[in-house]
């Protein structure tokens, strides 16, 4: 294979075929684990990728074998030019998907179908309206809940992501599982992860083992079915016998899955991150605007990727707050 078109492979032999593109640093919710309570300093509009620049950079990654692109934010649907962006990207030979908070997604059902989006990830950390307000500082629970049902009725594959936080929503584990009884969704529990400004502490993280213990105390072994994980899957997947949906656990903190990582991230201001926890970024947007070669920058970034969590391979280093103060807040990275 021509080296110029060969897959993006790091020094550990991992092929990177999955690009997550953040479209915006803005959101119509204010979840504290994602956005610091005092907010974030937003990039000036002129420092953000426009639709054509997103498409141009994405084409480079597709040339290198990327065949899956997920649009994230912030909330990607708050961009006024979202229709143009997704229509441009739909011309590429990729599996196109989106992560949203579902507040306004019903306005875009036909557009999503037209552009080939089949899977939608929804961020929802509680099934309780009052608690939803305390987490997001907004009263959109009923709208989000109904839009999840609407997505299912429209034929979309729906994954629901819930960040579990001790003392906040960890008492809803069984409620989330029960939701999968009559709804064909994939409910995914995500361990609370550290980012700049989200006041993370290890004791706030509800671990994979704790989640499974709670489930095993309420369901028998023959009811809990371990499912086959997809290649490069970040989640350990399960279902309850007779239930329409499934559940999974993403254990980034206690059981990292870096050996199978195939993901790279592009921030809304055009910076490439080869790992969610990486403090180092490569500015593709400035290079693109200066007519510089971004292909070599992409390859160099991927080849310099660490084996585990940007070099934080031991629990002690990962749990050191200083390690994450030099990283971005989650909302400016992209979910």
Protein backbone atom coordinates (compact mmCIF):
# COMPACT_ATOMS: atom_id res chain seq x y z
CA UNK A 1 0.00 0.00 0.00
CA UNK A 2 1.17 3.51 -0.78
CA UNK A 3 2.51 5.04 2.47
CA UNK A 4 0.64 8.27 1.71
CA UNK A 5 -2.67 6.42 1.92
CA UNK A 6 -1.79 3.78 4.53
CA UNK A 7 -3.83 3.47 7.75
CA UNK A 8 -3.09 5.66 10.75
CA UNK A 9 -1.11 3.30 12.97
CA UNK A 10 0.72 4.14 16.18
CA UNK A 11 3.88 2.51 17.50
CA UNK A 12 1.78 -0.08 19.36
CA UNK A 13 0.16 -1.34 16.17
CA UNK A 14 -3.25 0.22 16.81
CA UNK A 15 -5.11 1.30 13.65
CA UNK A 16 -7.13 4.51 14.02
CA UNK A 17 -10.23 4.46 11.86
CA UNK A 18 -12.62 6.40 14.13
CA UNK A 19 -12.67 10.22 14.19
CA UNK A 20 -14.76 12.20 16.66
CA UNK A 21 -15.31 15.79 15.53
CA UNK A 22 -16.50 18.42 17.98
CA UNK A 23 -18.57 21.05 16.19
CA UNK A 24 -18.91 23.55 19.02
CA UNK A 25 -17.87 24.41 22.56
CA UNK A 26 -21.40 25.63 23.31
CA UNK A 27 -24.26 23.69 24.88
CA UNK A 28 -27.82 24.39 25.97
CA UNK A 29 -27.24 22.34 29.16
CA UNK A 30 -24.63 22.95 31.86
CA UNK A 31 -23.71 19.56 33.32
CA UNK A 32 -20.92 20.17 35.84
CA UNK A 33 -18.93 17.03 34.98
CA UNK A 34 -18.59 18.41 31.45
CA UNK A 35 -18.60 22.18 31.96
CA UNK A 36 -17.07 23.90 35.01
CA UNK A 37 -19.64 25.65 37.19
CA UNK A 38 -18.18 29.05 36.27
CA UNK A 39 -18.29 28.18 32.56
CA UNK A 40 -15.40 28.14 30.12
CA UNK A 41 -13.65 30.72 28.00
CA UNK A 42 -15.02 30.07 24.53
CA UNK A 43 -12.85 30.22 21.44
CA UNK A 44 -13.58 33.28 19.27
CA UNK A 45 -15.81 32.40 16.34
CA UNK A 46 -13.04 33.04 13.84
CA UNK A 47 -10.90 30.41 15.59
CA UNK A 48 -13.46 27.67 15.01
CA UNK A 49 -13.57 25.41 11.97
CA UNK A 50 -16.19 26.40 9.42
CA UNK A 51 -18.18 23.80 7.51
CA UNK A 52 -15.81 23.64 4.55
CA UNK A 53 -12.77 23.32 6.82
CA UNK A 54 -14.39 20.49 8.76
CA UNK A 55 -15.04 18.72 5.48
CA UNK A 56 -11.52 19.31 4.19
CA UNK A 57 -9.87 17.95 7.34
CA UNK A 58 -12.27 15.00 7.47
CA UNK A 59 -11.36 14.10 3.88
CA UNK A 60 -7.72 13.80 4.93
CA UNK A 61 -8.63 11.32 7.65
CA UNK A 62 -10.82 9.31 5.28
CA UNK A 63 -7.85 9.14 2.91
CA UNK A 64 -5.95 7.47 5.77
CA UNK A 65 -8.62 4.83 6.35
CA UNK A 66 -11.02 6.53 8.76
CA UNK A 67 -14.42 4.98 8.08
CA UNK A 68 -16.37 6.15 11.12
CA UNK A 69 -17.07 9.77 12.10
CA UNK A 70 -19.09 10.90 15.10
CA UNK A 71 -20.18 14.52 15.53
CA UNK A 72 -20.06 15.81 19.09
CA UNK A 73 -19.85 19.02 21.09
CA UNK A 74 -20.84 20.79 23.25
CA UNK A 75 -24.19 20.22 21.66
CA UNK A 76 -23.58 19.86 17.91
CA UNK A 77 -27.14 20.80 17.01
CA UNK A 78 -26.74 24.37 18.31
CA UNK A 79 -24.60 25.23 15.27
CA UNK A 80 -26.71 27.08 12.72
CA UNK A 81 -24.74 25.50 9.88
CA UNK A 82 -25.18 21.95 11.22
CA UNK A 83 -27.25 20.94 8.16
CA UNK A 84 -24.46 22.01 5.80
CA UNK A 85 -21.80 20.24 7.86
CA UNK A 86 -23.59 16.91 8.01
CA UNK A 87 -24.60 17.06 4.34
CA UNK A 88 -20.97 17.61 3.34
CA UNK A 89 -19.72 14.78 5.55
CA UNK A 90 -22.42 12.43 4.28
CA UNK A 91 -20.71 12.49 0.87
CA UNK A 92 -17.72 10.70 2.39
CA UNK A 93 -17.59 6.91 2.58
CA UNK A 94 -18.01 6.72 6.36
CA UNK A 95 -20.40 5.51 9.04
CA UNK A 96 -21.76 8.84 10.26
CA UNK A 97 -23.28 9.22 13.74
CA UNK A 98 -23.95 11.92 16.33
CA UNK A 99 -23.93 12.51 20.08
CA UNK A 100 -26.60 14.90 21.35
CA UNK A 101 -28.47 15.87 24.49
CA UNK A 102 -31.72 15.45 22.49
CA UNK A 103 -33.16 18.81 23.51
CA UNK A 104 -33.82 19.84 19.90
CA UNK A 105 -33.05 16.71 17.91
CA UNK A 106 -36.65 16.27 16.77
CA UNK A 107 -36.15 19.22 14.41
CA UNK A 108 -33.53 17.22 12.52
CA UNK A 109 -35.03 13.73 12.09
CA UNK A 110 -35.46 14.02 8.33
CA UNK A 111 -32.00 15.56 7.88
CA UNK A 112 -30.40 12.75 9.88
CA UNK A 113 -32.18 10.12 7.79
CA UNK A 114 -31.28 11.89 4.56
CA UNK A 115 -27.59 11.94 5.49
CA UNK A 116 -27.50 8.28 6.52
CA UNK A 117 -27.28 8.65 10.29
CA UNK A 118 -28.60 5.47 11.88
CA UNK A 119 -27.15 5.61 15.41
CA UNK A 120 -27.68 8.44 17.87
CA UNK A 121 -26.00 8.67 21.27
CA UNK A 122 -27.99 10.61 23.84
CA UNK A 123 -26.50 11.99 27.05
CA UNK A 124 -28.95 11.47 29.92
CA UNK A 125 -27.77 11.07 33.51
CA UNK A 126 -31.08 10.62 35.29
CA UNK A 127 -34.65 9.47 34.77
CA UNK A 128 -35.91 11.93 37.37
CA UNK A 129 -37.08 15.36 36.20
CA UNK A 130 -36.11 17.20 39.39
CA UNK A 131 -32.67 15.63 39.42
CA UNK A 132 -32.27 16.41 35.72
CA UNK A 133 -32.59 20.09 36.59
CA UNK A 134 -30.05 19.82 39.42
CA UNK A 135 -27.51 18.19 37.07
CA UNK A 136 -28.10 20.27 33.93
CA UNK A 137 -29.49 23.52 35.43
CA UNK A 138 -32.24 23.37 32.82
CA UNK A 139 -35.87 22.12 32.75
CA UNK A 140 -35.74 20.04 29.59
CA UNK A 141 -36.28 16.54 31.00
CA UNK A 142 -39.73 15.95 29.52
CA UNK A 143 -38.54 17.10 26.11
CA UNK A 144 -35.44 14.90 26.19
CA UNK A 145 -37.36 11.86 27.41
CA UNK A 146 -40.01 12.26 24.70
CA UNK A 147 -37.36 12.75 22.02
CA UNK A 148 -35.72 9.46 23.01
CA UNK A 149 -39.05 7.74 22.42
CA UNK A 150 -39.46 9.69 19.19
CA UNK A 151 -36.03 8.56 17.98
CA UNK A 152 -36.99 4.94 18.60
CA UNK A 153 -40.30 5.41 16.80
CA UNK A 154 -38.43 6.93 13.85
CA UNK A 155 -36.23 3.83 13.59
CA UNK A 156 -32.95 5.17 14.94
CA UNK A 157 -30.64 2.99 17.01
CA UNK A 158 -30.40 4.80 20.35
CA UNK A 159 -27.58 4.61 22.87
CA UNK A 160 -28.04 6.47 26.15
CA UNK A 161 -24.92 7.57 28.02
CA UNK A 162 -25.18 8.12 31.78
CA UNK A 163 -22.19 9.37 33.75
CA UNK A 164 -22.53 7.80 37.19
CA UNK A 165 -21.49 9.99 40.14
CA UNK A 166 -21.57 8.82 43.72
CA UNK A 167 -24.18 10.66 45.73
CA UNK A 168 -25.69 12.18 42.61
CA UNK A 169 -27.30 9.46 40.49
CA UNK A 170 -25.76 6.13 41.55
CA UNK A 171 -29.05 5.18 43.19
CA UNK A 172 -30.64 4.98 39.72
CA UNK A 173 -28.62 2.05 38.38
CA UNK A 174 -31.56 -0.34 38.64
CA UNK A 175 -33.94 2.27 37.20
CA UNK A 176 -31.70 2.58 34.14
CA UNK A 177 -31.64 -1.21 33.78
CA UNK A 178 -35.43 -1.36 34.13
CA UNK A 179 -35.76 1.19 31.32
CA UNK A 180 -34.29 -1.39 28.93
CA UNK A 181 -37.11 -3.83 29.67
CA UNK A 182 -39.61 -2.16 27.37
CA UNK A 183 -37.34 0.08 25.29
CA UNK A 184 -34.80 -1.24 22.74
CA UNK A 185 -32.03 1.14 23.79
CA UNK A 186 -28.41 0.50 24.72
CA UNK A 187 -27.96 2.08 28.15
CA UNK A 188 -24.29 2.76 28.90
CA UNK A 189 -22.93 3.57 32.35
CA UNK A 190 -19.80 5.74 32.15
CA UNK A 191 -17.37 6.00 35.03
CA UNK A 192 -16.95 9.64 36.11
CA UNK A 193 -13.68 10.86 34.58
CA UNK A 194 -11.35 13.76 35.52
CA UNK A 195 -11.13 16.89 33.38
CA UNK A 196 -10.14 20.46 34.09
CA UNK A 197 -12.68 22.20 36.28
CA UNK A 198 -15.07 19.29 36.95
CA UNK A 199 -13.97 18.80 40.59
CA UNK A 200 -13.28 15.11 40.05
CA UNK A 201 -12.32 12.90 42.98
CA UNK A 202 -11.71 9.18 42.81
CA UNK A 203 -14.32 8.53 45.49
CA UNK A 204 -16.98 10.13 43.25
CA UNK A 205 -16.40 7.46 40.59
CA UNK A 206 -18.76 4.48 40.69
CA UNK A 207 -16.65 1.61 39.40
CA UNK A 208 -17.44 -1.19 36.98
CA UNK A 209 -17.26 -3.72 39.83
CA UNK A 210 -19.64 -1.68 42.00
CA UNK A 211 -22.15 -1.36 39.18
CA UNK A 212 -22.06 -5.10 38.47
CA UNK A 213 -22.36 -5.93 42.18
CA UNK A 214 -25.54 -3.85 42.40
CA UNK A 215 -27.00 -5.57 39.35
CA UNK A 216 -26.00 -9.05 40.54
CA UNK A 217 -27.71 -8.42 43.87
CA UNK A 218 -30.99 -7.83 42.05
CA UNK A 219 -30.82 -10.25 39.11
CA UNK A 220 -29.84 -13.91 39.06
CA UNK A 221 -26.83 -15.18 37.14
CA UNK A 222 -29.02 -16.77 34.48
CA UNK A 223 -30.83 -13.45 33.94
CA UNK A 224 -27.64 -11.46 33.29
CA UNK A 225 -26.36 -12.19 29.80
CA UNK A 226 -22.82 -11.22 28.79
CA UNK A 227 -22.93 -10.06 25.18
CA UNK A 228 -20.23 -10.16 22.54
CA UNK A 229 -18.45 -6.80 22.40
CA UNK A 230 -17.84 -5.28 18.99
CA UNK A 231 -14.23 -4.86 17.82
CA UNK A 232 -12.61 -1.81 19.48
CA UNK A 233 -15.66 -1.42 21.74
CA UNK A 234 -15.10 0.79 24.79
CA UNK A 235 -17.95 -0.89 26.66
CA UNK A 236 -18.54 -4.23 28.33
CA UNK A 237 -22.01 -5.19 27.10
CA UNK A 238 -24.81 -7.05 28.84
CA UNK A 239 -28.54 -7.61 28.70
CA UNK A 240 -31.21 -8.92 31.03
CA UNK A 241 -32.99 -12.00 29.79
CA UNK A 242 -36.30 -11.05 28.18
CA UNK A 243 -35.52 -7.32 28.07
CA UNK A 244 -35.71 -5.47 24.75
CA UNK A 245 -32.64 -3.32 25.35
CA UNK A 246 -29.11 -3.80 26.62
CA UNK A 247 -26.78 -2.16 29.09
CA UNK A 248 -23.03 -1.64 29.16
CA UNK A 249 -20.28 -0.19 31.31
CA UNK A 250 -17.51 2.08 30.06
CA UNK A 251 -14.75 1.69 32.66
CA UNK A 252 -12.19 4.28 31.61
CA UNK A 253 -11.05 4.91 35.20
CA UNK A 254 -10.86 1.46 36.78
CA UNK A 255 -10.41 -0.84 33.77
CA UNK A 256 -9.00 1.18 30.84
CA UNK A 257 -9.32 -0.35 27.39
CA UNK A 258 -6.46 1.50 25.70
CA UNK A 259 -4.98 -1.59 24.05
CA UNK A 260 -7.88 -1.62 21.58
CA UNK A 261 -8.17 2.15 21.05
CA UNK A 262 -8.91 3.24 17.48
CA UNK A 263 -10.09 6.78 18.27
CA UNK A 264 -8.76 10.25 17.55
CA UNK A 265 -10.44 13.56 18.33
CA UNK A 266 -10.73 16.88 16.55
CA UNK A 267 -11.75 19.84 18.71
CA UNK A 268 -14.05 22.58 17.49
CA UNK A 269 -11.09 24.92 17.05
CA UNK A 270 -9.33 22.39 14.87
CA UNK A 271 -6.85 20.83 17.28
CA UNK A 272 -6.08 17.13 17.04
CA UNK A 273 -5.95 15.10 20.26
CA UNK A 274 -4.63 11.56 19.94
CA UNK A 275 -6.11 10.67 23.35
CA UNK A 276 -8.98 11.97 25.42
CA UNK A 277 -6.57 12.65 28.30
CA UNK A 278 -3.72 14.08 26.25
CA UNK A 279 -2.40 17.50 27.25
CA UNK A 280 -0.64 17.80 23.91
CA UNK A 281 -2.57 18.94 20.83
CA UNK A 282 -1.71 19.54 17.19
CA UNK A 283 -3.22 22.59 15.48
CA UNK A 284 -4.57 21.37 12.15
CA UNK A 285 -6.78 24.38 11.48
CA UNK A 286 -3.98 26.96 11.47
CA UNK A 287 -1.88 24.70 9.26
CA UNK A 288 -4.80 24.25 6.87
CA UNK A 289 -5.42 28.00 6.65
CA UNK A 290 -1.72 28.56 5.97
CA UNK A 291 -1.82 25.98 3.16
CA UNK A 292 0.60 23.76 5.06
CA UNK A 293 0.70 19.98 4.85
CA UNK A 294 -1.63 18.61 7.54
CA UNK A 295 -1.09 14.98 6.55
CA UNK A 296 2.34 14.83 8.17
CA UNK A 297 0.97 16.52 11.31
CA UNK A 298 -1.78 13.90 11.58
CA UNK A 299 0.64 11.01 11.18
CA UNK A 300 3.08 12.43 13.68
CA UNK A 301 0.32 12.96 16.23
CA UNK A 302 -0.96 9.40 15.95
CA UNK A 303 2.52 7.88 16.01
CA UNK A 304 3.33 9.71 19.27
CA UNK A 305 0.33 8.26 21.10
CA UNK A 306 1.05 6.66 24.48
CA UNK A 307 0.10 3.07 25.26
CA UNK A 308 -2.28 4.03 28.08
CA UNK A 309 -4.20 7.24 28.91
CA UNK A 310 -1.59 9.67 27.61
CA UNK A 311 1.12 8.07 29.75
CA UNK A 312 -0.91 7.90 32.96
CA UNK A 313 -0.68 4.13 33.21
CA UNK A 314 -0.69 3.85 37.02
CA UNK A 315 -3.74 4.71 39.17
CA UNK A 316 -1.59 7.11 41.20
CA UNK A 317 -0.64 9.21 38.19
CA UNK A 318 -4.13 9.14 36.71
CA UNK A 319 -5.70 10.24 39.99
CA UNK A 320 -3.29 13.16 40.46
CA UNK A 321 -5.39 16.34 39.92
CA UNK A 322 -2.38 18.19 38.50
CA UNK A 323 -2.36 15.80 35.55
CA UNK A 324 -5.78 17.00 34.42
CA UNK A 325 -5.50 20.72 35.08
CA UNK A 326 -3.34 20.95 31.96
CA UNK A 327 -6.02 19.23 29.85
CA UNK A 328 -9.21 20.87 28.61
CA UNK A 329 -12.65 20.78 30.15
CA UNK A 330 -14.72 18.04 28.55
CA UNK A 331 -17.02 20.49 26.78
CA UNK A 332 -14.10 21.95 24.82
CA UNK A 333 -12.74 18.51 23.90
CA UNK A 334 -15.91 16.92 22.57
CA UNK A 335 -17.89 14.01 23.99
